[in-house]
Amino acid sequence: MEQTVERKSFLFAVRIVKLSNHLNTTEKEYVLSKQLLRSGTSIGANIAEAEQAQSKADFISKMNIALKEAVETNYWLRLLQATDFLSETEFMSIYSDCRELEKMLTAIVKTAKQ
């Protein structure tokens, strides 16, 4: 069953919240996890806003912001893995979800601009 980008981004945000909580409690890492929490949960929030866009331009703008947040989240995930806060297994699991969201959002933006 294929998930909508809105549903996928919500489930991704849940994973980000749990990961951030894990990094805070287990690893005592607060700075990077806060950045990750902000960008990772912002993806879905911007997609939800886009669903109520006032115009096509507004929709494209919100989806573009969601895409930028996904790219930023990708960065924080790679940094957390490179600094040994995430194991390779933990990283690959959530990173692949992030990349999938990026690809979905890129396709949505391209299609909306046509």
Protein backbone atom coordinates (compact mmCIF):
# COMPACT_ATOMS: atom_id res chain seq x y z
CA MET A 1 0.00 0.00 0.00
CA GLU A 2 1.48 3.32 -1.09
CA GLN A 3 1.43 6.05 1.54
CA THR A 4 0.68 9.67 0.78
CA VAL A 5 3.48 12.14 1.32
CA GLU A 6 1.46 13.66 4.16
CA ARG A 7 1.12 10.32 5.99
CA LYS A 8 4.74 9.37 5.33
CA SER A 9 5.99 12.72 6.62
CA PHE A 10 3.88 12.34 9.78
CA LEU A 11 5.28 8.86 10.48
CA PHE A 12 8.77 10.20 9.77
CA ALA A 13 8.20 13.03 12.28
CA VAL A 14 7.19 10.46 14.91
CA ARG A 15 10.48 8.62 14.29
CA ILE A 16 12.40 11.92 14.52
CA VAL A 17 10.76 12.80 17.86
CA LYS A 18 11.64 9.36 19.24
CA LEU A 19 15.20 9.59 17.93
CA SER A 20 15.64 13.06 19.41
CA ASN A 21 14.37 11.81 22.75
CA HIS A 22 16.79 8.86 22.57
CA LEU A 23 19.71 11.16 21.77
CA ASN A 24 18.79 13.41 24.70
CA THR A 25 18.31 10.69 27.28
CA THR A 26 20.82 8.03 26.22
CA GLU A 27 23.58 9.98 24.52
CA LYS A 28 23.15 13.30 26.41
CA GLU A 29 23.30 15.00 23.01
CA TYR A 30 21.16 18.14 22.91
CA VAL A 31 22.39 20.51 20.20
CA LEU A 32 22.33 18.36 17.07
CA SER A 33 19.21 16.52 18.20
CA LYS A 34 17.37 19.83 18.59
CA GLN A 35 18.30 20.83 15.04
CA LEU A 36 17.19 17.41 13.81
CA LEU A 37 13.91 17.70 15.72
CA ARG A 38 13.14 21.12 14.24
CA SER A 39 13.86 20.24 10.61
CA GLY A 40 12.53 16.68 10.74
CA THR A 41 9.14 17.67 12.15
CA SER A 42 8.90 20.76 9.96
CA ILE A 43 8.67 18.62 6.81
CA GLY A 44 5.21 17.32 7.68
CA ALA A 45 4.02 20.64 9.06
CA ASN A 46 4.80 22.36 5.76
CA ILE A 47 3.13 19.58 3.79
CA ALA A 48 0.03 19.96 5.96
CA GLU A 49 0.07 23.71 5.28
CA ALA A 50 0.44 23.06 1.54
CA GLU A 51 -2.73 20.97 1.63
CA GLN A 52 -4.58 24.18 2.57
CA ALA A 53 -2.72 26.44 0.16
CA GLN A 54 -4.53 29.52 -1.11
CA SER A 55 -3.08 29.20 -4.59
CA LYS A 56 -0.89 27.01 -6.77
CA ALA A 57 2.06 29.32 -6.03
CA ASP A 58 1.41 29.00 -2.30
CA PHE A 59 1.25 25.19 -2.64
CA ILE A 60 4.56 25.10 -4.54
CA SER A 61 6.17 27.42 -1.98
CA LYS A 62 5.11 25.27 0.99
CA MET A 63 6.18 22.04 -0.73
CA ASN A 64 9.54 23.65 -1.58
CA ILE A 65 10.01 24.57 2.08
CA ALA A 66 9.17 20.97 3.05
CA LEU A 67 11.79 19.78 0.55
CA LYS A 68 14.41 22.15 1.98
CA GLU A 69 13.63 20.87 5.49
CA ALA A 70 14.06 17.27 4.25
CA VAL A 71 17.45 18.17 2.78
CA GLU A 72 18.45 19.80 6.08
CA THR A 73 17.26 16.75 8.02
CA ASN A 74 19.36 14.57 5.73
CA TYR A 75 22.38 16.70 6.70
CA TRP A 76 21.78 16.37 10.45
CA LEU A 77 21.30 12.61 10.13
CA ARG A 78 24.59 12.26 8.23
CA LEU A 79 26.37 14.41 10.81
CA LEU A 80 24.97 12.36 13.71
CA GLN A 81 26.14 9.17 12.03
CA ALA A 82 29.59 10.59 11.21
CA THR A 83 30.06 11.65 14.85
CA ASP A 84 29.05 8.20 16.16
CA PHE A 85 25.73 9.20 17.70
CA LEU A 86 23.95 6.84 15.28
CA SER A 87 25.03 3.35 14.37
CA GLU A 88 25.13 2.40 10.69
CA THR A 89 21.93 0.37 11.13
CA GLU A 90 20.05 3.17 12.91
CA PHE A 91 21.27 5.67 10.35
CA MET A 92 20.37 3.66 7.24
CA SER A 93 16.86 2.97 8.49
CA ILE A 94 15.86 6.59 9.04
CA TYR A 95 18.09 8.02 6.28
CA SER A 96 16.33 5.91 3.65
CA ASP A 97 12.96 7.29 4.82
CA CYS A 98 14.33 10.83 4.60
CA ARG A 99 15.65 10.25 1.06
CA GLU A 100 12.29 8.81 0.02
CA LEU A 101 10.54 11.94 1.30
CA GLU A 102 13.03 14.11 -0.61
CA LYS A 103 12.30 12.21 -3.82
CA MET A 104 8.53 12.41 -3.32
CA LEU A 105 8.67 16.15 -2.61
CA THR A 106 10.95 16.79 -5.60
CA ALA A 107 8.46 15.01 -7.86
CA ILE A 108 5.51 16.91 -6.35
CA VAL A 109 7.21 20.28 -6.83
CA LYS A 110 8.26 19.47 -10.42
CA THR A 111 4.74 18.28 -11.31
CA ALA A 112 3.09 21.30 -9.66
CA LYS A 113 5.32 23.70 -11.63
CA GLN A 114 4.25 22.22 -14.99
